Amino acid sequence: MALPYPFDDSERADSNRAPHESGNPGEFRPVPYGANESGQEKSRVIRLRVAPWDVIATITLVVLLLVLATATTWPTRLYGFLSDVCTGEECGLVPYGVDMYIYPVVWGGIGAAIAAAGIGPFVSLLKGWYMSFWPVLSLAILMGSSVVGDFITVFSTRYWH
């Protein structure tokens, strides 16, 4: 392979010429591949960048989210429309079958919110990001799945009855 610059490498097997010796210190001399590697593997160290306020905020928000989901009437307010969903054979046909997506949207949103609140802070630890946005994102996913599920239910109700 022809190189765009003169390259004399005495270590190459296909080199027929003697090494180029020049007293010019500004001349470009590429380093052969692997010449600067030591035989030892460098140890990898994971450095965690954690701010104390971020850990406290994350734990507080996750605890508040758990209390909100288990000890209040918040789930029935968000997902109360599920009692209006028609699941039997007597239901009318809905255009494009969008009524079949009510439960997947709701349960998918709940699963995504749990994954965001549970796994997200650990991802942030490894990436060096702030952790406290994951519980907020989890709450937004829950509310978004509730709103979309409610819209689909309201749209489908006029075709069921």
N, C-alpha and C. Protein backbone atom coordinates (compact mmCIF):
# COMPACT_ATOMS: atom_id res chain seq x y z
N MET A 1 0.84 -1.16 0.00
CA MET A 1 0.00 0.00 0.00
C MET A 1 0.89 1.23 0.00
N ALA A 2 0.60 2.13 -0.86
CA ALA A 2 1.41 3.34 -0.98
C ALA A 2 0.94 4.36 0.05
N LEU A 3 1.89 4.95 0.73
CA LEU A 3 1.58 5.95 1.72
C LEU A 3 1.85 7.34 1.14
N PRO A 4 1.12 8.35 1.57
CA PRO A 4 1.30 9.69 1.02
C PRO A 4 2.55 10.39 1.53
N TYR A 5 3.30 9.76 2.40
CA TYR A 5 4.53 10.35 2.92
C TYR A 5 5.60 9.26 2.95
N PRO A 6 6.84 9.63 2.89
CA PRO A 6 7.89 8.61 2.93
C PRO A 6 7.93 7.96 4.31
N PHE A 7 7.88 6.67 4.34
CA PHE A 7 7.83 5.94 5.59
C PHE A 7 8.88 4.85 5.55
N ASP A 8 9.84 4.96 6.40
CA ASP A 8 10.87 3.95 6.50
C ASP A 8 10.75 3.30 7.86
N ASP A 9 10.43 2.04 7.88
CA ASP A 9 10.26 1.31 9.13
C ASP A 9 11.13 0.08 9.07
N SER A 10 12.12 0.03 9.90
CA SER A 10 13.04 -1.10 9.88
C SER A 10 12.40 -2.35 10.46
N GLU A 11 11.31 -2.21 11.23
CA GLU A 11 10.68 -3.35 11.85
C GLU A 11 9.68 -4.04 10.94
N ARG A 12 9.31 -3.40 9.83
CA ARG A 12 8.36 -4.01 8.91
C ARG A 12 9.06 -5.08 8.11
N ALA A 13 8.35 -6.17 7.85
CA ALA A 13 8.93 -7.28 7.11
C ALA A 13 9.13 -6.94 5.64
N ASP A 14 8.27 -6.08 5.09
CA ASP A 14 8.37 -5.74 3.68
C ASP A 14 9.29 -4.55 3.41
N SER A 15 10.02 -4.09 4.42
CA SER A 15 10.89 -2.94 4.25
C SER A 15 12.24 -3.40 3.71
N ASN A 16 12.62 -2.93 2.52
CA ASN A 16 13.87 -3.32 1.89
C ASN A 16 14.98 -2.32 2.17
N ARG A 17 14.59 -1.13 2.55
CA ARG A 17 15.56 -0.06 2.69
C ARG A 17 16.06 0.04 4.12
N ALA A 18 17.17 0.67 4.24
CA ALA A 18 17.73 0.94 5.57
C ALA A 18 16.92 2.03 6.24
N PRO A 19 16.86 2.06 7.55
CA PRO A 19 16.10 3.11 8.22
C PRO A 19 16.62 4.49 7.87
N HIS A 20 15.68 5.39 7.72
CA HIS A 20 16.00 6.76 7.34
C HIS A 20 16.51 7.50 8.57
N GLU A 21 17.69 7.96 8.48
CA GLU A 21 18.26 8.69 9.61
C GLU A 21 18.41 10.14 9.21
N SER A 22 17.70 10.96 9.92
CA SER A 22 17.74 12.37 9.62
C SER A 22 17.96 13.13 10.91
N GLY A 23 18.68 14.20 10.82
CA GLY A 23 18.93 15.02 12.00
C GLY A 23 17.82 16.02 12.22
N ASN A 24 16.76 15.96 11.41
CA ASN A 24 15.67 16.91 11.50
C ASN A 24 14.68 16.46 12.58
N PRO A 25 14.61 17.16 13.73
CA PRO A 25 13.71 16.72 14.79
C PRO A 25 12.24 17.00 14.48
N GLY A 26 11.92 17.83 13.50
CA GLY A 26 10.53 18.14 13.18
C GLY A 26 9.92 17.17 12.19
N GLU A 27 10.69 16.20 11.74
CA GLU A 27 10.18 15.26 10.75
C GLU A 27 9.22 14.26 11.41
N PHE A 28 8.13 13.98 10.73
CA PHE A 28 7.11 13.06 11.25
C PHE A 28 7.61 11.63 11.20
N ARG A 29 7.57 10.96 12.34
CA ARG A 29 7.97 9.56 12.41
C ARG A 29 6.86 8.80 13.13
N PRO A 30 6.01 8.07 12.42
CA PRO A 30 4.94 7.33 13.08
C PRO A 30 5.50 6.20 13.94
N VAL A 31 4.79 5.92 15.00
CA VAL A 31 5.18 4.86 15.92
C VAL A 31 4.56 3.57 15.43
N PRO A 32 5.32 2.50 15.33
CA PRO A 32 4.75 1.22 14.89
C PRO A 32 3.65 0.75 15.85
N TYR A 33 2.69 0.06 15.29
CA TYR A 33 1.55 -0.42 16.08
C TYR A 33 2.04 -1.35 17.18
N GLY A 34 1.60 -1.09 18.39
CA GLY A 34 1.92 -1.94 19.52
C GLY A 34 3.24 -1.62 20.18
N ALA A 35 3.97 -0.62 19.71
CA ALA A 35 5.28 -0.32 20.28
C ALA A 35 5.17 0.34 21.65
N ASN A 36 4.06 1.03 21.90
CA ASN A 36 3.94 1.73 23.18
C ASN A 36 3.08 0.98 24.19
N GLU A 37 2.76 -0.26 23.91
CA GLU A 37 1.97 -1.04 24.84
C GLU A 37 2.87 -1.79 25.80
N SER A 38 2.54 -1.73 27.04
CA SER A 38 3.26 -2.55 28.00
C SER A 38 2.54 -3.90 28.06
N GLY A 39 3.19 -4.89 28.52
CA GLY A 39 2.61 -6.23 28.54
C GLY A 39 1.55 -6.41 29.61
N GLN A 40 1.38 -5.45 30.48
CA GLN A 40 0.44 -5.60 31.58
C GLN A 40 -0.89 -4.93 31.24
N GLU A 41 -1.96 -5.56 31.69
CA GLU A 41 -3.30 -4.99 31.52
C GLU A 41 -3.50 -3.95 32.60
N LYS A 42 -4.01 -2.79 32.21
CA LYS A 42 -4.28 -1.73 33.18
C LYS A 42 -5.55 -2.07 33.93
N SER A 43 -5.53 -1.87 35.23
CA SER A 43 -6.72 -2.16 36.03
C SER A 43 -7.74 -1.05 35.83
N ARG A 44 -8.99 -1.46 35.77
CA ARG A 44 -10.07 -0.49 35.58
C ARG A 44 -10.70 -0.17 36.92
N VAL A 45 -10.88 1.08 37.17
CA VAL A 45 -11.47 1.54 38.42
C VAL A 45 -12.73 2.31 38.07
N ILE A 46 -13.84 1.92 38.68
CA ILE A 46 -15.09 2.64 38.48
C ILE A 46 -15.16 3.74 39.53
N ARG A 47 -15.21 4.96 39.07
CA ARG A 47 -15.33 6.09 39.99
C ARG A 47 -16.76 6.57 39.99
N LEU A 48 -17.37 6.57 41.17
CA LEU A 48 -18.74 7.03 41.31
C LEU A 48 -18.73 8.48 41.74
N ARG A 49 -19.41 9.30 40.95
CA ARG A 49 -19.56 10.70 41.30
C ARG A 49 -20.95 10.87 41.90
N VAL A 50 -21.01 10.98 43.20
CA VAL A 50 -22.30 11.05 43.89
C VAL A 50 -22.33 12.29 44.76
N ALA A 51 -23.38 13.07 44.59
CA ALA A 51 -23.60 14.23 45.45
C ALA A 51 -24.54 13.82 46.58
N PRO A 52 -24.23 14.19 47.80
CA PRO A 52 -25.09 13.79 48.92
C PRO A 52 -26.53 14.27 48.77
N TRP A 53 -26.72 15.49 48.28
CA TRP A 53 -28.07 16.00 48.11
C TRP A 53 -28.85 15.18 47.08
N ASP A 54 -28.15 14.64 46.08
CA ASP A 54 -28.81 13.86 45.04
C ASP A 54 -29.29 12.52 45.60
N VAL A 55 -28.48 11.89 46.43
CA VAL A 55 -28.88 10.62 47.05
C VAL A 55 -30.07 10.84 47.98
N ILE A 56 -30.02 11.89 48.78
CA ILE A 56 -31.13 12.19 49.70
C ILE A 56 -32.41 12.49 48.91
N ALA A 57 -32.30 13.29 47.86
CA ALA A 57 -33.47 13.62 47.05
C ALA A 57 -34.04 12.39 46.36
N THR A 58 -33.18 11.52 45.86
CA THR A 58 -33.65 10.31 45.18
C THR A 58 -34.39 9.39 46.15
N ILE A 59 -33.80 9.15 47.31
CA ILE A 59 -34.44 8.28 48.30
C ILE A 59 -35.76 8.88 48.76
N THR A 60 -35.78 10.18 49.00
CA THR A 60 -37.01 10.83 49.43
C THR A 60 -38.11 10.74 48.37
N LEU A 61 -37.75 10.98 47.13
CA LEU A 61 -38.75 10.91 46.06
C LEU A 61 -39.25 9.48 45.83
N VAL A 62 -38.39 8.50 45.92
CA VAL A 62 -38.83 7.11 45.76
C VAL A 62 -39.75 6.71 46.91
N VAL A 63 -39.41 7.10 48.14
CA VAL A 63 -40.28 6.79 49.28
C VAL A 63 -41.63 7.49 49.13
N LEU A 64 -41.63 8.76 48.71
CA LEU A 64 -42.90 9.46 48.49
C LEU A 64 -43.72 8.80 47.39
N LEU A 65 -43.06 8.34 46.34
CA LEU A 65 -43.75 7.65 45.26
C LEU A 65 -44.37 6.34 45.74
N LEU A 66 -43.64 5.60 46.57
CA LEU A 66 -44.19 4.35 47.12
C LEU A 66 -45.37 4.62 48.05
N VAL A 67 -45.26 5.63 48.91
CA VAL A 67 -46.37 5.98 49.80
C VAL A 67 -47.58 6.43 48.99
N LEU A 68 -47.33 7.23 47.97
CA LEU A 68 -48.41 7.71 47.11
C LEU A 68 -49.12 6.56 46.40
N ALA A 69 -48.37 5.56 46.00
CA ALA A 69 -48.95 4.44 45.27
C ALA A 69 -49.63 3.41 46.16
N THR A 70 -49.23 3.33 47.43
CA THR A 70 -49.78 2.27 48.29
C THR A 70 -50.72 2.76 49.38
N ALA A 71 -50.52 3.94 49.89
CA ALA A 71 -51.27 4.37 51.07
C ALA A 71 -52.30 5.45 50.77
N THR A 72 -52.50 5.81 49.53
CA THR A 72 -53.47 6.85 49.20
C THR A 72 -54.49 6.31 48.20
N THR A 73 -55.46 7.14 47.86
CA THR A 73 -56.44 6.76 46.84
C THR A 73 -56.00 7.19 45.45
N TRP A 74 -54.76 7.54 45.33
CA TRP A 74 -54.22 8.02 44.06
C TRP A 74 -54.36 7.00 42.93
N PRO A 75 -54.07 5.70 43.14
CA PRO A 75 -54.24 4.74 42.03
C PRO A 75 -55.67 4.64 41.52
N THR A 76 -56.66 4.73 42.41
CA THR A 76 -58.05 4.66 41.94
C THR A 76 -58.44 5.93 41.20
N ARG A 77 -57.84 7.04 41.55
CA ARG A 77 -58.12 8.27 40.80
C ARG A 77 -57.47 8.24 39.42
N LEU A 78 -56.25 7.71 39.35
CA LEU A 78 -55.57 7.65 38.07
C LEU A 78 -56.14 6.58 37.16
N TYR A 79 -56.43 5.42 37.73
CA TYR A 79 -56.85 4.28 36.91
C TYR A 79 -58.29 3.84 37.18
N GLY A 80 -59.11 4.76 37.66
CA GLY A 80 -60.52 4.46 37.91
C GLY A 80 -61.30 4.17 36.64
N PHE A 81 -60.84 4.64 35.52
CA PHE A 81 -61.52 4.41 34.24
C PHE A 81 -61.49 2.94 33.83
N LEU A 82 -60.64 2.14 34.43
CA LEU A 82 -60.54 0.73 34.06
C LEU A 82 -61.82 -0.05 34.40
N SER A 83 -62.63 0.47 35.33
CA SER A 83 -63.89 -0.20 35.63
C SER A 83 -64.91 -0.01 34.51
N ASP A 84 -64.69 0.98 33.63
CA ASP A 84 -65.60 1.23 32.51
C ASP A 84 -65.22 0.48 31.25
N VAL A 85 -64.10 -0.24 31.27
CA VAL A 85 -63.63 -0.93 30.07
C VAL A 85 -64.51 -2.15 29.81
N CYS A 86 -65.00 -2.27 28.58
CA CYS A 86 -65.84 -3.39 28.19
C CYS A 86 -64.93 -4.50 27.65
N THR A 87 -64.98 -5.67 28.29
CA THR A 87 -64.08 -6.76 27.90
C THR A 87 -64.81 -7.99 27.38
N GLY A 88 -66.13 -7.99 27.39
CA GLY A 88 -66.88 -9.18 26.98
C GLY A 88 -67.14 -9.22 25.48
N GLU A 89 -67.89 -10.25 25.07
CA GLU A 89 -68.24 -10.43 23.67
C GLU A 89 -69.36 -9.49 23.23
N GLU A 90 -70.10 -8.93 24.19
CA GLU A 90 -71.22 -8.05 23.85
C GLU A 90 -70.77 -6.64 23.48
N CYS A 91 -69.48 -6.35 23.55
CA CYS A 91 -68.97 -5.02 23.23
C CYS A 91 -69.01 -4.81 21.72
N GLY A 92 -69.32 -3.58 21.33
CA GLY A 92 -69.32 -3.25 19.92
C GLY A 92 -67.89 -3.10 19.40
N LEU A 93 -67.78 -3.12 18.09
CA LEU A 93 -66.46 -2.96 17.47
C LEU A 93 -66.02 -1.50 17.53
N VAL A 94 -64.78 -1.31 17.83
CA VAL A 94 -64.19 0.03 17.90
C VAL A 94 -63.26 0.18 16.70
N PRO A 95 -63.27 1.34 16.04
CA PRO A 95 -62.38 1.51 14.88
C PRO A 95 -60.92 1.19 15.21
N TYR A 96 -60.31 0.44 14.31
CA TYR A 96 -58.91 0.03 14.41
C TYR A 96 -58.62 -0.82 15.65
N GLY A 97 -59.63 -1.24 16.37
CA GLY A 97 -59.44 -2.08 17.55
C GLY A 97 -58.63 -1.41 18.65
N VAL A 98 -58.77 -0.10 18.77
CA VAL A 98 -57.96 0.62 19.76
C VAL A 98 -58.31 0.24 21.19
N ASP A 99 -59.50 -0.33 21.40
CA ASP A 99 -59.86 -0.73 22.76
C ASP A 99 -59.01 -1.88 23.26
N MET A 100 -58.37 -2.60 22.37
CA MET A 100 -57.49 -3.70 22.77
C MET A 100 -56.17 -3.19 23.36
N TYR A 101 -55.90 -1.90 23.23
CA TYR A 101 -54.64 -1.33 23.71
C TYR A 101 -54.76 -0.66 25.06
N ILE A 102 -55.94 -0.68 25.67
CA ILE A 102 -56.12 0.00 26.95
C ILE A 102 -55.26 -0.65 28.03
N TYR A 103 -55.43 -1.95 28.22
CA TYR A 103 -54.66 -2.63 29.27
C TYR A 103 -53.16 -2.67 28.98
N PRO A 104 -52.72 -2.93 27.75
CA PRO A 104 -51.27 -2.86 27.51
C PRO A 104 -50.65 -1.48 27.77
N VAL A 105 -51.39 -0.42 27.44
CA VAL A 105 -50.86 0.93 27.71
C VAL A 105 -50.75 1.16 29.21
N VAL A 106 -51.78 0.77 29.95
CA VAL A 106 -51.79 1.00 31.39
C VAL A 106 -50.72 0.15 32.08
N TRP A 107 -50.71 -1.16 31.82
CA TRP A 107 -49.74 -2.02 32.49
C TRP A 107 -48.32 -1.80 31.99
N GLY A 108 -48.19 -1.44 30.73
CA GLY A 108 -46.86 -1.10 30.22
C GLY A 108 -46.31 0.15 30.87
N GLY A 109 -47.18 1.13 31.08
CA GLY A 109 -46.76 2.35 31.77
C GLY A 109 -46.37 2.09 33.22
N ILE A 110 -47.13 1.22 33.89
CA ILE A 110 -46.80 0.88 35.27
C ILE A 110 -45.45 0.16 35.32
N GLY A 111 -45.25 -0.79 34.41
CA GLY A 111 -43.98 -1.52 34.37
C GLY A 111 -42.80 -0.62 34.04
N ALA A 112 -42.99 0.28 33.10
CA ALA A 112 -41.91 1.21 32.74
C ALA A 112 -41.59 2.15 33.90
N ALA A 113 -42.62 2.57 34.63
CA ALA A 113 -42.39 3.46 35.78
C ALA A 113 -41.64 2.73 36.89
N ILE A 114 -41.99 1.48 37.14
CA ILE A 114 -41.28 0.70 38.16
C ILE A 114 -39.83 0.49 37.74
N ALA A 115 -39.61 0.19 36.46
CA ALA A 115 -38.24 0.00 35.98
C ALA A 115 -37.44 1.29 36.06
N ALA A 116 -38.07 2.41 35.73
CA ALA A 116 -37.36 3.69 35.79
C ALA A 116 -36.98 4.05 37.22
N ALA A 117 -37.89 3.81 38.16
CA ALA A 117 -37.59 4.16 39.55
C ALA A 117 -36.63 3.16 40.19
N GLY A 118 -36.65 1.92 39.74
CA GLY A 118 -35.80 0.89 40.36
C GLY A 118 -34.42 0.77 39.75
N ILE A 119 -34.33 0.81 38.44
CA ILE A 119 -33.05 0.60 37.75
C ILE A 119 -32.36 1.92 37.43
N GLY A 120 -33.13 2.94 37.17
CA GLY A 120 -32.58 4.22 36.74
C GLY A 120 -31.51 4.81 37.63
N PRO A 121 -31.69 4.84 38.96
CA PRO A 121 -30.63 5.40 39.81
C PRO A 121 -29.30 4.65 39.70
N PHE A 122 -29.35 3.34 39.48
CA PHE A 122 -28.10 2.58 39.33
C PHE A 122 -27.41 2.91 38.00
N VAL A 123 -28.20 3.14 36.97
CA VAL A 123 -27.62 3.58 35.70
C VAL A 123 -26.97 4.94 35.88
N SER A 124 -27.63 5.82 36.60
CA SER A 124 -27.07 7.14 36.85
C SER A 124 -25.77 7.08 37.65
N LEU A 125 -25.69 6.14 38.59
CA LEU A 125 -24.45 5.98 39.35
C LEU A 125 -23.29 5.62 38.42
N LEU A 126 -23.53 4.69 37.51
CA LEU A 126 -22.46 4.25 36.62
C LEU A 126 -22.11 5.28 35.56
N LYS A 127 -23.10 6.06 35.13
CA LYS A 127 -22.86 7.06 34.08
C LYS A 127 -22.40 8.41 34.63
N GLY A 128 -22.57 8.64 35.92
CA GLY A 128 -22.20 9.92 36.49
C GLY A 128 -23.27 10.98 36.36
N TRP A 129 -24.51 10.56 36.14
CA TRP A 129 -25.62 11.50 36.01
C TRP A 129 -26.24 11.74 37.37
N TYR A 130 -27.11 12.76 37.43
CA TYR A 130 -27.91 12.95 38.64
C TYR A 130 -28.96 11.86 38.71
N MET A 131 -29.24 11.39 39.93
CA MET A 131 -30.18 10.29 40.12
C MET A 131 -31.60 10.75 40.40
N SER A 132 -31.77 11.95 40.85
CA SER A 132 -33.07 12.37 41.37
C SER A 132 -34.12 12.59 40.30
N PHE A 133 -33.74 12.56 39.02
CA PHE A 133 -34.76 12.75 38.00
C PHE A 133 -35.51 11.46 37.68
N TRP A 134 -35.00 10.30 38.08
CA TRP A 134 -35.66 9.04 37.77
C TRP A 134 -37.02 8.88 38.46
N PRO A 135 -37.16 9.19 39.75
CA PRO A 135 -38.51 9.11 40.35
C PRO A 135 -39.49 10.10 39.71
N VAL A 136 -39.00 11.26 39.32
CA VAL A 136 -39.87 12.24 38.65
C VAL A 136 -40.29 11.71 37.28
N LEU A 137 -39.35 11.11 36.57
CA LEU A 137 -39.67 10.49 35.29
C LEU A 137 -40.66 9.34 35.47
N SER A 138 -40.50 8.59 36.53
CA SER A 138 -41.42 7.49 36.83
C SER A 138 -42.84 8.02 37.07
N LEU A 139 -42.96 9.09 37.80
CA LEU A 139 -44.27 9.70 38.03
C LEU A 139 -44.88 10.21 36.74
N ALA A 140 -44.07 10.82 35.89
CA ALA A 140 -44.56 11.30 34.60
C ALA A 140 -45.02 10.15 33.71
N ILE A 141 -44.32 9.03 33.73
CA ILE A 141 -44.74 7.86 32.95
C ILE A 141 -46.06 7.32 33.46
N LEU A 142 -46.23 7.25 34.78
CA LEU A 142 -47.50 6.79 35.36
C LEU A 142 -48.66 7.69 34.93
N MET A 143 -48.45 8.97 35.05
CA MET A 143 -49.52 9.90 34.68
C MET A 143 -49.79 9.86 33.18
N GLY A 144 -48.75 9.73 32.37
CA GLY A 144 -48.93 9.64 30.93
C GLY A 144 -49.70 8.39 30.51
N SER A 145 -49.37 7.25 31.11
CA SER A 145 -50.10 6.02 30.77
C SER A 145 -51.56 6.11 31.22
N SER A 146 -51.81 6.79 32.33
CA SER A 146 -53.18 6.98 32.79
C SER A 146 -53.98 7.86 31.83
N VAL A 147 -53.38 8.94 31.39
CA VAL A 147 -54.08 9.86 30.48
C VAL A 147 -54.35 9.18 29.13
N VAL A 148 -53.36 8.49 28.58
CA VAL A 148 -53.56 7.82 27.29
C VAL A 148 -54.60 6.72 27.41
N GLY A 149 -54.52 5.93 28.49
CA GLY A 149 -55.53 4.89 28.71
C GLY A 149 -56.93 5.47 28.86
N ASP A 150 -57.05 6.58 29.56
CA ASP A 150 -58.34 7.23 29.73
C ASP A 150 -58.87 7.76 28.39
N PHE A 151 -58.01 8.36 27.57
CA PHE A 151 -58.44 8.83 26.25
C PHE A 151 -58.95 7.69 25.39
N ILE A 152 -58.25 6.58 25.41
CA ILE A 152 -58.68 5.42 24.62
C ILE A 152 -60.01 4.89 25.13
N THR A 153 -60.19 4.87 26.45
CA THR A 153 -61.45 4.39 27.03
C THR A 153 -62.60 5.32 26.67
N VAL A 154 -62.40 6.61 26.78
CA VAL A 154 -63.45 7.58 26.44
C VAL A 154 -63.81 7.47 24.96
N PHE A 155 -62.81 7.31 24.10
CA PHE A 155 -63.06 7.15 22.67
C PHE A 155 -63.85 5.87 22.39
N SER A 156 -63.52 4.79 23.08
CA SER A 156 -64.14 3.49 22.82
C SER A 156 -65.53 3.37 23.42
N THR A 157 -65.85 4.13 24.46
CA THR A 157 -67.12 4.00 25.16
C THR A 157 -68.31 4.25 24.24
N ARG A 158 -68.22 5.18 23.34
CA ARG A 158 -69.36 5.47 22.46
C ARG A 158 -69.63 4.34 21.47
N TYR A 159 -68.67 3.47 21.21
CA TYR A 159 -68.88 2.34 20.32
C TYR A 159 -69.32 1.09 21.07
N TRP A 160 -69.08 1.03 22.39
CA TRP A 160 -69.46 -0.15 23.17
C TRP A 160 -70.95 -0.16 23.48
N HIS A 161 -71.55 1.00 23.64
CA HIS A 161 -72.95 1.04 24.10
C HIS A 161 -73.87 1.52 23.00
